[in-house]
Protein backbone atom coordinates (compact mmCIF):
# COMPACT_ATOMS: atom_id res chain seq x y z
CA UNK A 1 125.79 79.82 126.15
CA UNK A 2 123.60 78.58 123.35
CA UNK A 3 125.05 78.93 119.86
CA UNK A 4 122.79 80.69 117.27
CA UNK A 5 122.26 78.84 114.13
CA UNK A 6 123.96 80.10 110.88
CA UNK A 7 121.74 81.98 108.50
CA UNK A 8 120.15 79.91 105.66
CA UNK A 9 121.79 80.12 102.46
CA UNK A 10 119.82 82.24 99.85
CA UNK A 11 117.51 80.46 97.50
CA UNK A 12 118.72 82.90 94.64
CA UNK A 13 121.72 84.78 94.40
CA UNK A 14 122.28 87.21 91.51
CA UNK A 15 125.60 89.15 90.76
CA UNK A 16 126.49 91.69 88.14
CA UNK A 17 123.58 90.27 85.80
CA UNK A 18 123.38 91.91 82.47
CA UNK A 19 121.40 91.26 79.46
CA UNK A 20 122.06 93.02 76.16
CA UNK A 21 120.27 93.07 72.64
CA UNK A 22 121.93 93.96 69.64
CA UNK A 23 119.53 95.97 67.39
CA UNK A 24 120.09 97.70 64.22
CA UNK A 25 119.96 101.00 66.07
CA UNK A 26 122.54 100.01 68.55
CA UNK A 27 122.85 97.97 71.74
CA UNK A 28 119.91 97.86 73.95
CA UNK A 29 121.09 97.38 77.55
CA UNK A 30 117.96 95.89 79.05
CA UNK A 31 119.59 94.71 82.26
CA UNK A 32 122.58 96.10 83.67
CA UNK A 33 124.82 95.22 86.74
CA UNK A 34 121.97 93.72 88.84
CA UNK A 35 122.76 92.03 92.20
CA UNK A 36 120.65 90.82 95.10
CA UNK A 37 119.82 87.94 97.33
CA UNK A 38 116.57 86.28 97.97
CA UNK A 39 116.08 84.24 101.17
CA UNK A 40 114.11 81.21 101.79
CA UNK A 41 110.33 82.25 102.25
CA UNK A 42 110.97 85.96 101.32
CA UNK A 43 109.26 87.91 98.78
CA UNK A 44 111.12 90.52 97.01
CA UNK A 45 109.01 93.05 95.01
CA UNK A 46 110.63 94.41 91.96
CA UNK A 47 108.98 97.79 90.80
CA UNK A 48 109.57 100.35 88.18
CA UNK A 49 107.79 101.82 85.07
CA UNK A 50 107.03 99.96 82.03
CA UNK A 51 110.32 99.16 79.92
CA UNK A 52 112.82 99.34 82.69
CA UNK A 53 113.72 95.70 82.35
CA UNK A 54 111.65 93.89 85.11
CA UNK A 55 110.29 91.23 82.94
CA UNK A 56 113.73 90.82 81.13
CA UNK A 57 115.28 90.20 84.46
CA UNK A 58 112.92 87.61 85.73
CA UNK A 59 113.13 85.71 82.48
CA UNK A 60 117.01 85.81 82.65
CA UNK A 61 116.93 84.77 86.08
CA UNK A 62 114.92 81.55 85.02
CA UNK A 63 117.16 81.23 81.92
CA UNK A 64 114.27 81.57 79.58
CA UNK A 65 116.64 84.14 78.25
CA UNK A 66 120.41 83.78 78.32
CA UNK A 67 122.51 86.27 80.35
CA UNK A 68 125.10 88.46 78.66
CA UNK A 69 127.25 88.65 81.80
CA UNK A 70 127.12 87.93 85.54
CA UNK A 71 126.04 84.95 87.49
CA UNK A 72 122.85 83.22 88.90
CA UNK A 73 122.86 80.90 91.74
CA UNK A 74 119.71 78.83 92.44
CA UNK A 75 119.55 76.99 95.72
CA UNK A 76 123.44 76.54 95.75
CA UNK A 77 123.79 75.54 92.14
CA UNK A 78 125.22 77.97 89.56
CA UNK A 79 122.88 77.84 86.50
CA UNK A 80 124.54 80.58 84.50
CA UNK A 81 126.24 78.55 81.87
CA UNK A 82 124.35 75.28 82.12
CA UNK A 83 122.98 73.93 78.71
CA UNK A 84 119.14 72.84 78.48
CA UNK A 85 119.84 69.31 79.28
CA UNK A 86 121.71 70.43 82.63
CA UNK A 87 119.05 72.93 83.38
CA UNK A 88 116.00 70.44 83.01
CA UNK A 89 116.28 68.80 86.50
CA UNK A 90 116.91 72.21 88.21
CA UNK A 91 113.70 73.61 86.58
CA UNK A 92 111.74 71.62 89.17
CA UNK A 93 113.31 74.19 91.75
CA UNK A 94 112.12 77.36 89.85
CA UNK A 95 108.75 78.40 88.13
CA UNK A 96 107.06 81.33 86.69
CA UNK A 97 103.66 82.76 86.97
CA UNK A 98 103.07 84.95 83.76
CA UNK A 99 101.34 88.06 83.51
CA UNK A 100 98.69 87.03 80.97
CA UNK A 101 96.72 84.04 82.30
CA UNK A 102 95.07 83.20 79.07
CA UNK A 103 98.11 83.57 76.71
CA UNK A 104 100.30 81.34 79.15
CA UNK A 105 97.85 78.26 78.98
CA UNK A 106 97.46 76.01 75.84
CA UNK A 107 93.78 76.53 74.76
CA UNK A 108 93.78 73.00 73.25
CA UNK A 109 94.74 71.33 76.62
CA UNK A 110 92.35 70.48 79.50
CA UNK A 111 92.97 72.12 83.01
CA UNK A 112 94.28 68.61 84.16
CA UNK A 113 96.66 68.23 81.09
CA UNK A 114 98.11 71.80 81.80
CA UNK A 115 98.71 71.12 85.49
CA UNK A 116 99.83 67.69 84.91
CA UNK A 117 102.42 68.48 82.05
CA UNK A 118 105.41 69.56 84.34
CA UNK A 119 104.85 66.18 86.26
CA UNK A 120 104.96 64.26 82.74
CA UNK A 121 108.06 66.02 81.47
CA UNK A 122 109.81 65.28 84.82
CA UNK A 123 108.41 61.75 85.29
CA UNK A 124 107.42 62.33 88.82
CA UNK A 125 104.37 59.93 89.22
CA UNK A 126 101.94 57.77 87.59
CA UNK A 127 98.79 58.72 85.80
CA UNK A 128 96.61 57.80 88.84
CA UNK A 129 98.70 59.81 91.17
CA UNK A 130 99.05 62.61 88.89
CA UNK A 131 95.31 62.89 88.64
CA UNK A 132 95.07 63.05 92.59
CA UNK A 133 97.63 65.62 92.69
CA UNK A 134 95.87 67.99 90.00
CA UNK A 135 92.71 67.62 91.92
CA UNK A 136 94.53 68.50 95.13
CA UNK A 137 96.29 71.52 93.62
CA UNK A 138 92.92 72.93 92.23
CA UNK A 139 91.35 72.71 95.64
CA UNK A 140 94.40 74.31 97.17
CA UNK A 141 94.03 77.43 94.61
CA UNK A 142 90.49 77.70 95.35
CA UNK A 143 88.97 75.91 92.30
CA UNK A 144 86.67 72.81 92.11
CA UNK A 145 87.96 69.41 91.30
CA UNK A 146 85.64 68.91 88.26
CA UNK A 147 87.54 72.21 86.89
CA UNK A 148 90.13 69.76 85.64
CA UNK A 149 87.85 68.66 82.87
CA UNK A 150 87.51 72.17 81.42
CA UNK A 151 89.44 74.43 78.87
CA UNK A 152 91.05 77.69 79.51
CA UNK A 153 88.47 79.66 77.59
CA UNK A 154 85.77 78.51 79.94
CA UNK A 155 87.05 80.17 83.05
CA UNK A 156 87.49 83.85 83.93
CA UNK A 157 90.69 85.84 84.18
CA UNK A 158 91.06 85.16 88.04
CA UNK A 159 90.45 81.43 87.67
CA UNK A 160 92.74 81.34 84.82
CA UNK A 161 95.49 82.85 86.97
CA UNK A 162 94.84 80.31 89.75
CA UNK A 163 95.38 77.58 87.13
CA UNK A 164 98.48 79.13 86.34
CA UNK A 165 99.58 79.20 90.07
CA UNK A 166 98.75 75.57 90.25
CA UNK A 167 100.79 74.74 87.49
CA UNK A 168 103.73 76.58 89.03
CA UNK A 169 103.18 74.46 92.24
CA UNK A 170 103.03 71.10 90.36
CA UNK A 171 106.79 70.41 90.95
CA UNK A 172 107.11 71.78 94.57
CA UNK A 173 109.63 74.50 93.61
CA UNK A 174 111.59 76.74 95.97
CA UNK A 175 111.42 79.92 93.67
CA UNK A 176 108.65 81.31 91.85
CA UNK A 177 108.99 84.50 89.69
CA UNK A 178 105.40 86.34 89.62
CA UNK A 179 105.52 88.54 86.52
CA UNK A 180 102.81 91.13 87.38
CA UNK A 181 100.51 88.31 88.06
CA UNK A 182 97.47 90.35 88.93
CA UNK A 183 97.83 93.38 86.57
CA UNK A 184 95.42 91.69 83.83
CA UNK A 185 92.80 91.12 86.80
CA UNK A 186 89.79 93.05 87.71
CA UNK A 187 90.43 95.07 90.89
CA UNK A 188 87.98 92.85 92.57
CA UNK A 189 89.91 89.69 92.04
CA UNK A 190 93.48 91.07 92.62
CA UNK A 191 93.23 90.97 96.43
CA UNK A 192 92.04 87.27 96.12
CA UNK A 193 95.04 86.26 94.17
CA UNK A 194 97.41 88.25 96.23
CA UNK A 195 96.18 86.69 99.52
CA UNK A 196 96.37 83.25 97.69
CA UNK A 197 99.88 83.79 96.96
CA UNK A 198 100.73 84.83 100.53
CA UNK A 199 98.94 81.59 101.92
CA UNK A 200 100.82 79.39 99.53
CA UNK A 201 104.04 81.07 100.71
CA UNK A 202 103.29 80.41 104.50
CA UNK A 203 102.23 76.96 103.74
CA UNK A 204 105.20 75.75 101.24
CA UNK A 205 107.86 78.04 102.28
CA UNK A 206 108.16 79.65 98.84
CA UNK A 207 110.40 82.39 97.82
CA UNK A 208 108.87 84.91 95.41
CA UNK A 209 110.50 87.47 93.00
CA UNK A 210 107.39 89.65 92.61
CA UNK A 211 107.46 91.88 89.58
CA UNK A 212 105.00 94.64 89.40
CA UNK A 213 104.38 98.34 88.77
CA UNK A 214 101.45 98.76 91.25
CA UNK A 215 103.21 99.88 94.39
CA UNK A 216 100.20 99.32 96.55
CA UNK A 217 100.28 95.65 95.68
CA UNK A 218 103.84 95.41 96.33
CA UNK A 219 103.47 97.03 99.79
CA UNK A 220 100.93 94.51 100.55
CA UNK A 221 102.80 91.33 99.70
CA UNK A 222 106.59 91.95 99.87
CA UNK A 223 109.22 91.78 102.65
CA UNK A 224 111.79 93.79 100.71
CA UNK A 225 111.46 96.00 97.72
CA UNK A 226 113.72 96.62 94.80
CA UNK A 227 113.21 99.66 92.64
CA UNK A 228 114.47 99.44 89.01
CA UNK A 229 115.09 102.21 86.33
CA UNK A 230 116.62 101.78 82.68
CA UNK A 231 117.88 98.38 83.53
CA UNK A 232 119.56 99.14 86.98
CA UNK A 233 118.36 98.63 90.58
CA UNK A 234 118.63 102.14 91.97
CA UNK A 235 117.29 101.08 95.67
CA UNK A 236 116.59 98.25 97.94
CA UNK A 237 115.27 98.31 101.37
CA UNK A 238 112.74 96.47 103.70
CA UNK A 239 109.11 97.52 102.72
CA UNK A 240 108.61 99.76 105.85
CA UNK A 241 111.88 101.41 105.56
CA UNK A 242 111.27 102.19 101.84
CA UNK A 243 107.78 103.74 102.46
CA UNK A 244 109.03 105.78 105.56
CA UNK A 245 112.35 107.02 104.06
CA UNK A 246 112.97 106.49 100.37
CA UNK A 247 116.42 107.92 99.62
CA UNK A 248 116.66 107.81 95.79
CA UNK A 249 114.67 110.68 93.86
CA UNK A 250 113.03 108.11 91.60
CA UNK A 251 111.60 105.95 94.50
CA UNK A 252 110.29 109.33 96.00
CA UNK A 253 108.45 110.12 92.83
CA UNK A 254 107.01 106.71 92.45
CA UNK A 255 105.81 106.73 96.06
CA UNK A 256 104.38 110.24 95.76
CA UNK A 257 102.37 108.88 92.80
CA UNK A 258 100.56 106.37 94.80
CA UNK A 259 96.95 107.39 95.00
CA UNK A 260 95.63 108.17 98.58
CA UNK A 261 91.95 107.47 99.19
CA UNK A 262 91.38 110.28 101.69
CA UNK A 263 91.19 113.59 100.03
CA UNK A 264 92.23 115.52 103.13
CA UNK A 265 95.61 113.51 103.30
CA UNK A 266 95.96 113.63 99.38
CA UNK A 267 95.96 117.69 99.40
CA UNK A 268 98.72 117.58 102.26
CA UNK A 269 101.06 115.32 100.48
CA UNK A 270 104.07 116.65 99.01
CA UNK A 271 104.16 116.34 95.12
CA UNK A 272 107.12 114.99 93.42
CA UNK A 273 107.09 115.90 89.74
CA UNK A 274 109.66 114.39 87.41
CA UNK A 275 111.34 116.59 84.70
CA UNK A 276 111.72 115.72 81.08
CA UNK A 277 111.16 112.26 79.21
CA UNK A 278 112.21 108.98 79.92
CA UNK A 279 115.46 108.45 78.15
CA UNK A 280 115.54 105.88 75.30
CA UNK A 281 117.19 102.50 76.23
CA UNK A 282 119.35 102.67 73.04
CA UNK A 283 121.01 105.98 74.09
CA UNK A 284 120.91 106.25 77.87
CA UNK A 285 122.40 109.29 79.50
CA UNK A 286 125.92 108.91 81.00
CA UNK A 287 126.74 108.34 84.56
CA UNK A 288 123.43 108.23 86.38
CA UNK A 289 120.65 107.20 84.17
CA UNK A 290 118.06 109.24 86.14
CA UNK A 291 120.30 112.45 86.02
CA UNK A 292 118.09 113.96 83.07
CA UNK A 293 114.94 113.81 85.13
CA UNK A 294 116.37 114.58 88.65
CA UNK A 295 116.08 117.84 90.20
CA UNK A 296 118.99 117.04 92.59
CA UNK A 297 121.48 116.31 89.76
CA UNK A 298 124.86 117.79 89.76
CA UNK A 299 127.85 117.76 87.34
CA UNK A 300 129.23 114.59 89.13
CA UNK A 301 126.00 112.61 88.08
CA UNK A 302 127.03 112.84 84.44
CA UNK A 303 130.43 111.53 84.98
CA UNK A 304 130.11 108.81 87.33
CA UNK A 305 127.67 105.76 87.46
CA UNK A 306 126.53 105.58 91.36
CA UNK A 307 127.03 102.01 92.80
CA UNK A 308 124.24 100.47 94.68
CA UNK A 309 125.45 100.91 98.33
CA UNK A 310 124.40 101.22 101.99
CA UNK A 311 124.74 104.79 103.19
CA UNK A 312 128.31 105.84 104.23
CA UNK A 313 130.02 103.59 101.78
CA UNK A 314 131.80 104.95 98.76
CA UNK A 315 129.38 106.18 95.98
CA UNK A 316 131.60 105.96 93.00
CA UNK A 317 132.51 102.77 90.92
CA UNK A 318 136.05 103.19 91.91
CA UNK A 319 138.05 100.12 93.11
CA UNK A 320 137.15 101.30 96.64
CA UNK A 321 133.41 101.34 95.88
CA UNK A 322 131.03 99.24 97.65
CA UNK A 323 130.29 96.21 95.46
CA UNK A 324 126.36 95.63 94.99
CA UNK A 325 124.86 92.49 96.26
CA UNK A 326 122.79 91.32 99.15
CA UNK A 327 121.38 93.94 101.03
CA UNK A 328 121.44 91.95 104.28
CA UNK A 329 118.49 93.75 105.60
CA UNK A 330 120.50 96.99 104.68
CA UNK A 331 119.02 99.98 102.83
CA UNK A 332 120.90 100.21 99.70
CA UNK A 333 120.84 103.21 97.17
CA UNK A 334 122.40 104.04 93.89
CA UNK A 335 122.77 107.89 94.29
CA UNK A 336 125.85 110.27 94.94
CA UNK A 337 123.79 112.41 97.11
CA UNK A 338 121.99 109.87 99.25
CA UNK A 339 123.40 111.11 102.45
CA UNK A 340 122.18 114.66 101.83
CA UNK A 341 118.72 113.33 100.98
CA UNK A 342 118.76 111.19 104.12
CA UNK A 343 119.00 114.24 106.47
């Protein structure tokens, strides 16, 4: 009888992560009690409307913003409380592709200097080897070697994003946070960049946290999808399960809003219209943050914040409630009425 190999430890493990900002008008809870795992070679899509905290979560995970509470473990190392000196060698394992490819590149540096800068900072190799590596990275992301002599303003938006991807690859990271990497690009270029990211993942075994608000893009590239609302995760499932059986009312509304190219199918789709306005993050509703826009809301929703849990687990935040964490392939949802909606 052959023994099965133990599962690989997650590249990223986040537990009860929170980030608050103290403002003159009160406390803004940008990220609240977020927990999940990201496995080697996996893409976790993070979706939600603008202002829900997606980008803040990505920056907190990379410690570009310090967390207010919770823990962040990258490749087995807890980086939550490390100072900048302790973080520096670990930054080789985690990189970011930013939303705006022009603003994220130094206009005074050549492409070669931009891509080589991480290698210079971490003292990885000599000048000749760096130049060779830069040329190889440019070719790998679909650019000519002579692009190394150019400046960011000489390239198109799609080419600049390829340069940003090459820079992220310069240190051979294990984790890349992609913060809406195609939202600023023309529609004709988006598919090329998405396919490039998928090819790079297969070649180098990368793990992506892919932040987006375009569900069609997320459906194409992600293995699992996490849905965020007002700083909290409200549902996590594998891509096929989420599209086939969304359980949270907010997820259902998001999927129903995805355009369908076939007019006949579009007419037959069930419309899911949300009520009311998006609550302000400085004064969110009590209990479930989505209850003011949910047609399934009941009295309990105003009193108890639902935990992110698999179906059948306790739905309150009492001591017996399921702690949110790695889905482990399970379908997790933060809704008191999830069992009813699943029927």
